[in-house]
Amino acid sequence: MADKLWFIVVALGPLLLGCVVAYSLMRRRRLHTSEKVQQKEATERLYDKPEGGREPTFNRR
């Protein structure tokens, strides 16, 4: 009985995991073109210098 249980765990466990991964990859939603543009603009706003922002100052002696 224990041998059958280990067979189920060892053989069917990875198979079940593979099915779950395949299902999640099929269900993944792709971004539309307009959403990609919005995402790119938002990223640029986060990382660019803000309008009216200051340049870094260095101490000069």
PDB file of N, CA and C in Angstrom:
ATOM      1  N   MET A   1       0.823  -1.195   0.000  1.00  0.00           N
ATOM      2  CA  MET A   1       0.000   0.000   0.000  1.00  0.00           C
ATOM      3  C   MET A   1       0.869   1.262   0.000  1.00  0.00           C
ATOM      4  N   ALA A   2       1.937   1.253   0.810  1.00  0.00           N
ATOM      5  CA  ALA A   2       2.803   2.424   0.877  1.00  0.00           C
ATOM      6  C   ALA A   2       3.518   2.652  -0.449  1.00  0.00           C
ATOM      7  N   ASP A   3       3.839   1.552  -1.163  1.00  0.00           N
ATOM      8  CA  ASP A   3       4.495   1.696  -2.454  1.00  0.00           C
ATOM      9  C   ASP A   3       3.585   2.396  -3.467  1.00  0.00           C
ATOM     10  N   LYS A   4       2.317   2.076  -3.438  1.00  0.00           N
ATOM     11  CA  LYS A   4       1.371   2.718  -4.355  1.00  0.00           C
ATOM     12  C   LYS A   4       1.214   4.199  -4.030  1.00  0.00           C
ATOM     13  N   LEU A   5       1.203   4.526  -2.752  1.00  0.00           N
ATOM     14  CA  LEU A   5       1.081   5.922  -2.340  1.00  0.00           C
ATOM     15  C   LEU A   5       2.292   6.720  -2.815  1.00  0.00           C
ATOM     16  N   TRP A   6       3.489   6.173  -2.650  1.00  0.00           N
ATOM     17  CA  TRP A   6       4.689   6.869  -3.097  1.00  0.00           C
ATOM     18  C   TRP A   6       4.717   6.990  -4.615  1.00  0.00           C
ATOM     19  N   PHE A   7       4.208   5.985  -5.318  1.00  0.00           N
ATOM     20  CA  PHE A   7       4.127   6.088  -6.771  1.00  0.00           C
ATOM     21  C   PHE A   7       3.235   7.253  -7.175  1.00  0.00           C
ATOM     22  N   ILE A   8       2.107   7.378  -6.506  1.00  0.00           N
ATOM     23  CA  ILE A   8       1.185   8.479  -6.809  1.00  0.00           C
ATOM     24  C   ILE A   8       1.864   9.823  -6.537  1.00  0.00           C
ATOM     25  N   VAL A   9       2.539   9.928  -5.403  1.00  0.00           N
ATOM     26  CA  VAL A   9       3.184  11.183  -5.028  1.00  0.00           C
ATOM     27  C   VAL A   9       4.313  11.527  -5.998  1.00  0.00           C
ATOM     28  N   VAL A  10       5.151  10.550  -6.304  1.00  0.00           N
ATOM     29  CA  VAL A  10       6.342  10.806  -7.118  1.00  0.00           C
ATOM     30  C   VAL A  10       6.000  10.937  -8.604  1.00  0.00           C
ATOM     31  N   ALA A  11       5.107  10.129  -9.104  1.00  0.00           N
ATOM     32  CA  ALA A  11       4.814  10.129 -10.537  1.00  0.00           C
ATOM     33  C   ALA A  11       3.731  11.145 -10.901  1.00  0.00           C
ATOM     34  N   LEU A  12       2.696  11.207 -10.136  1.00  0.00           N
ATOM     35  CA  LEU A  12       1.586  12.070 -10.508  1.00  0.00           C
ATOM     36  C   LEU A  12       1.742  13.497  -9.987  1.00  0.00           C
ATOM     37  N   GLY A  13       2.540  13.696  -8.961  1.00  0.00           N
ATOM     38  CA  GLY A  13       2.752  15.050  -8.428  1.00  0.00           C
ATOM     39  C   GLY A  13       3.346  15.991  -9.462  1.00  0.00           C
ATOM     40  N   PRO A  14       4.477  15.636 -10.078  1.00  0.00           N
ATOM     41  CA  PRO A  14       5.039  16.506 -11.117  1.00  0.00           C
ATOM     42  C   PRO A  14       4.105  16.668 -12.324  1.00  0.00           C
ATOM     43  N   LEU A  15       3.380  15.617 -12.658  1.00  0.00           N
ATOM     44  CA  LEU A  15       2.430  15.711 -13.761  1.00  0.00           C
ATOM     45  C   LEU A  15       1.333  16.734 -13.438  1.00  0.00           C
ATOM     46  N   LEU A  16       0.812  16.684 -12.247  1.00  0.00           N
ATOM     47  CA  LEU A  16      -0.206  17.645 -11.822  1.00  0.00           C
ATOM     48  C   LEU A  16       0.366  19.063 -11.800  1.00  0.00           C
ATOM     49  N   LEU A  17       1.566  19.211 -11.306  1.00  0.00           N
ATOM     50  CA  LEU A  17       2.217  20.517 -11.279  1.00  0.00           C
ATOM     51  C   LEU A  17       2.408  21.064 -12.701  1.00  0.00           C
ATOM     52  N   GLY A  18       2.822  20.221 -13.609  1.00  0.00           N
ATOM     53  CA  GLY A  18       2.976  20.630 -15.012  1.00  0.00           C
ATOM     54  C   GLY A  18       1.655  21.065 -15.626  1.00  0.00           C
ATOM     55  N   CYS A  19       0.580  20.359 -15.304  1.00  0.00           N
ATOM     56  CA  CYS A  19      -0.735  20.743 -15.818  1.00  0.00           C
ATOM     57  C   CYS A  19      -1.164  22.107 -15.280  1.00  0.00           C
ATOM     58  N   VAL A  20      -0.897  22.357 -14.019  1.00  0.00           N
ATOM     59  CA  VAL A  20      -1.244  23.651 -13.420  1.00  0.00           C
ATOM     60  C   VAL A  20      -0.443  24.777 -14.075  1.00  0.00           C
ATOM     61  N   VAL A  21       0.837  24.564 -14.314  1.00  0.00           N
ATOM     62  CA  VAL A  21       1.669  25.579 -14.963  1.00  0.00           C
ATOM     63  C   VAL A  21       1.180  25.827 -16.392  1.00  0.00           C
ATOM     64  N   ALA A  22       0.879  24.777 -17.133  1.00  0.00           N
ATOM     65  CA  ALA A  22       0.389  24.927 -18.504  1.00  0.00           C
ATOM     66  C   ALA A  22      -0.940  25.674 -18.532  1.00  0.00           C
ATOM     67  N   TYR A  23      -1.826  25.362 -17.609  1.00  0.00           N
ATOM     68  CA  TYR A  23      -3.119  26.042 -17.535  1.00  0.00           C
ATOM     69  C   TYR A  23      -2.933  27.522 -17.241  1.00  0.00           C
ATOM     70  N   SER A  24      -2.041  27.845 -16.312  1.00  0.00           N
ATOM     71  CA  SER A  24      -1.832  29.255 -15.968  1.00  0.00           C
ATOM     72  C   SER A  24      -1.205  30.027 -17.132  1.00  0.00           C
ATOM     73  N   LEU A  25      -0.333  29.386 -17.913  1.00  0.00           N
ATOM     74  CA  LEU A  25       0.247  30.050 -19.070  1.00  0.00           C
ATOM     75  C   LEU A  25      -0.795  30.293 -20.161  1.00  0.00           C
ATOM     76  N   MET A  26      -1.742  29.391 -20.314  1.00  0.00           N
ATOM     77  CA  MET A  26      -2.795  29.570 -21.308  1.00  0.00           C
ATOM     78  C   MET A  26      -3.774  30.658 -20.885  1.00  0.00           C
ATOM     79  N   ARG A  27      -3.988  30.815 -19.603  1.00  0.00           N
ATOM     80  CA  ARG A  27      -4.954  31.795 -19.109  1.00  0.00           C
ATOM     81  C   ARG A  27      -4.372  33.195 -18.935  1.00  0.00           C
ATOM     82  N   ARG A  28      -3.061  33.332 -19.099  1.00  0.00           N
ATOM     83  CA  ARG A  28      -2.415  34.624 -18.896  1.00  0.00           C
ATOM     84  C   ARG A  28      -2.928  35.637 -19.911  1.00  0.00           C
ATOM     85  N   ARG A  29      -3.250  36.822 -19.420  1.00  0.00           N
ATOM     86  CA  ARG A  29      -3.814  37.861 -20.267  1.00  0.00           C
ATOM     87  C   ARG A  29      -2.694  38.706 -20.868  1.00  0.00           C
ATOM     88  N   ARG A  30      -2.746  38.931 -22.149  1.00  0.00           N
ATOM     89  CA  ARG A  30      -1.762  39.755 -22.848  1.00  0.00           C
ATOM     90  C   ARG A  30      -2.212  41.210 -22.805  1.00  0.00           C
ATOM     91  N   LEU A  31      -1.242  42.129 -22.831  1.00  0.00           N
ATOM     92  CA  LEU A  31      -1.560  43.548 -22.864  1.00  0.00           C
ATOM     93  C   LEU A  31      -1.889  43.968 -24.299  1.00  0.00           C
ATOM     94  N   HIS A  32      -2.911  44.826 -24.431  1.00  0.00           N
ATOM     95  CA  HIS A  32      -3.232  45.394 -25.735  1.00  0.00           C
ATOM     96  C   HIS A  32      -2.240  46.514 -26.034  1.00  0.00           C
ATOM     97  N   THR A  33      -2.238  46.975 -27.272  1.00  0.00           N
ATOM     98  CA  THR A  33      -1.282  48.003 -27.680  1.00  0.00           C
ATOM     99  C   THR A  33      -1.441  49.272 -26.851  1.00  0.00           C
ATOM    100  N   SER A  34      -2.677  49.702 -26.629  1.00  0.00           N
ATOM    101  CA  SER A  34      -2.891  50.928 -25.849  1.00  0.00           C
ATOM    102  C   SER A  34      -2.427  50.749 -24.402  1.00  0.00           C
ATOM    103  N   GLU A  35      -2.590  49.559 -23.860  1.00  0.00           N
ATOM    104  CA  GLU A  35      -2.130  49.298 -22.496  1.00  0.00           C
ATOM    105  C   GLU A  35      -0.603  49.292 -22.422  1.00  0.00           C
ATOM    106  N   LYS A  36       0.053  48.784 -23.461  1.00  0.00           N
ATOM    107  CA  LYS A  36       1.516  48.799 -23.499  1.00  0.00           C
ATOM    108  C   LYS A  36       2.036  50.233 -23.523  1.00  0.00           C
ATOM    109  N   VAL A  37       1.367  51.104 -24.307  1.00  0.00           N
ATOM    110  CA  VAL A  37       1.775  52.504 -24.379  1.00  0.00           C
ATOM    111  C   VAL A  37       1.594  53.168 -23.023  1.00  0.00           C
ATOM    112  N   GLN A  38       0.458  52.932 -22.377  1.00  0.00           N
ATOM    113  CA  GLN A  38       0.207  53.506 -21.056  1.00  0.00           C
ATOM    114  C   GLN A  38       1.238  53.026 -20.043  1.00  0.00           C
ATOM    115  N   GLN A  39       1.589  51.754 -20.099  1.00  0.00           N
ATOM    116  CA  GLN A  39       2.577  51.203 -19.185  1.00  0.00           C
ATOM    117  C   GLN A  39       3.946  51.850 -19.405  1.00  0.00           C
ATOM    118  N   LYS A  40       4.328  52.019 -20.661  1.00  0.00           N
ATOM    119  CA  LYS A  40       5.619  52.635 -20.964  1.00  0.00           C
ATOM    120  C   LYS A  40       5.659  54.081 -20.492  1.00  0.00           C
ATOM    121  N   GLU A  41       4.587  54.837 -20.724  1.00  0.00           N
ATOM    122  CA  GLU A  41       4.544  56.233 -20.289  1.00  0.00           C
ATOM    123  C   GLU A  41       4.603  56.344 -18.771  1.00  0.00           C
ATOM    124  N   ALA A  42       3.898  55.470 -18.082  1.00  0.00           N
ATOM    125  CA  ALA A  42       3.914  55.503 -16.618  1.00  0.00           C
ATOM    126  C   ALA A  42       5.295  55.174 -16.081  1.00  0.00           C
ATOM    127  N   THR A  43       5.976  54.239 -16.710  1.00  0.00           N
ATOM    128  CA  THR A  43       7.331  53.895 -16.280  1.00  0.00           C
ATOM    129  C   THR A  43       8.280  55.064 -16.507  1.00  0.00           C
ATOM    130  N   GLU A  44       8.147  55.716 -17.647  1.00  0.00           N
ATOM    131  CA  GLU A  44       8.997  56.871 -17.922  1.00  0.00           C
ATOM    132  C   GLU A  44       8.738  57.999 -16.928  1.00  0.00           C
ATOM    133  N   ARG A  45       7.480  58.220 -16.549  1.00  0.00           N
ATOM    134  CA  ARG A  45       7.165  59.250 -15.559  1.00  0.00           C
ATOM    135  C   ARG A  45       7.795  58.933 -14.214  1.00  0.00           C
ATOM    136  N   LEU A  46       7.853  57.664 -13.871  1.00  0.00           N
ATOM    137  CA  LEU A  46       8.438  57.283 -12.590  1.00  0.00           C
ATOM    138  C   LEU A  46       9.944  57.501 -12.550  1.00  0.00           C
ATOM    139  N   TYR A  47      10.624  57.247 -13.663  1.00  0.00           N
ATOM    140  CA  TYR A  47      12.076  57.250 -13.651  1.00  0.00           C
ATOM    141  C   TYR A  47      12.700  58.521 -14.201  1.00  0.00           C
ATOM    142  N   ASP A  48      11.942  59.350 -14.902  1.00  0.00           N
ATOM    143  CA  ASP A  48      12.501  60.592 -15.441  1.00  0.00           C
ATOM    144  C   ASP A  48      12.515  61.673 -14.377  1.00  0.00           C
ATOM    145  N   LYS A  49      13.343  62.692 -14.633  1.00  0.00           N
ATOM    146  CA  LYS A  49      13.410  63.846 -13.750  1.00  0.00           C
ATOM    147  C   LYS A  49      12.068  64.571 -13.832  1.00  0.00           C
ATOM    148  N   PRO A  50      11.482  64.961 -12.732  1.00  0.00           N
ATOM    149  CA  PRO A  50      10.194  65.660 -12.782  1.00  0.00           C
ATOM    150  C   PRO A  50      10.351  67.043 -13.423  1.00  0.00           C
ATOM    151  N   GLU A  51       9.278  67.537 -14.013  1.00  0.00           N
ATOM    152  CA  GLU A  51       9.309  68.864 -14.634  1.00  0.00           C
ATOM    153  C   GLU A  51       9.582  69.893 -13.550  1.00  0.00           C
ATOM    154  N   GLY A  52      10.473  70.804 -13.844  1.00  0.00           N
ATOM    155  CA  GLY A  52      10.834  71.809 -12.859  1.00  0.00           C
ATOM    156  C   GLY A  52      11.725  71.258 -11.763  1.00  0.00           C
ATOM    157  N   GLY A  53      12.177  70.029 -11.925  1.00  0.00           N
ATOM    158  CA  GLY A  53      13.031  69.405 -10.929  1.00  0.00           C
ATOM    159  C   GLY A  53      14.422  69.996 -10.961  1.00  0.00           C
ATOM    160  N   ARG A  54      15.179  69.725  -9.940  1.00  0.00           N
ATOM    161  CA  ARG A  54      16.524  70.277  -9.847  1.00  0.00           C
ATOM    162  C   ARG A  54      17.553  69.230 -10.226  1.00  0.00           C
ATOM    163  N   GLU A  55      18.645  69.743 -10.751  1.00  0.00           N
ATOM    164  CA  GLU A  55      19.789  68.879 -10.997  1.00  0.00           C
ATOM    165  C   GLU A  55      20.480  68.621  -9.667  1.00  0.00           C
ATOM    166  N   PRO A  56      21.149  67.517  -9.500  1.00  0.00           N
ATOM    167  CA  PRO A  56      21.870  67.284  -8.251  1.00  0.00           C
ATOM    168  C   PRO A  56      22.966  68.327  -8.073  1.00  0.00           C
ATOM    169  N   THR A  57      23.119  68.774  -6.847  1.00  0.00           N
ATOM    170  CA  THR A  57      24.159  69.766  -6.559  1.00  0.00           C
ATOM    171  C   THR A  57      25.330  69.069  -5.890  1.00  0.00           C
ATOM    172  N   PHE A  58      26.525  69.566  -6.203  1.00  0.00           N
ATOM    173  CA  PHE A  58      27.731  69.010  -5.622  1.00  0.00           C
ATOM    174  C   PHE A  58      28.394  70.103  -4.795  1.00  0.00           C
ATOM    175  N   ASN A  59      28.938  69.729  -3.680  1.00  0.00           N
ATOM    176  CA  ASN A  59      29.643  70.706  -2.840  1.00  0.00           C
ATOM    177  C   ASN A  59      30.990  71.021  -3.463  1.00  0.00           C
ATOM    178  N   ARG A  60      31.178  72.275  -3.789  1.00  0.00           N
ATOM    179  CA  ARG A  60      32.464  72.697  -4.356  1.00  0.00           C
ATOM    180  C   ARG A  60      33.169  73.547  -3.331  1.00  0.00           C
ATOM    181  N   ARG A  61      34.428  73.291  -3.123  1.00  0.00           N
ATOM    182  CA  ARG A  61      35.202  74.057  -2.142  1.00  0.00           C
ATOM    183  C   ARG A  61      36.266  74.837  -2.806  1.00  0.00           C
TER     184      ARG A  61
END
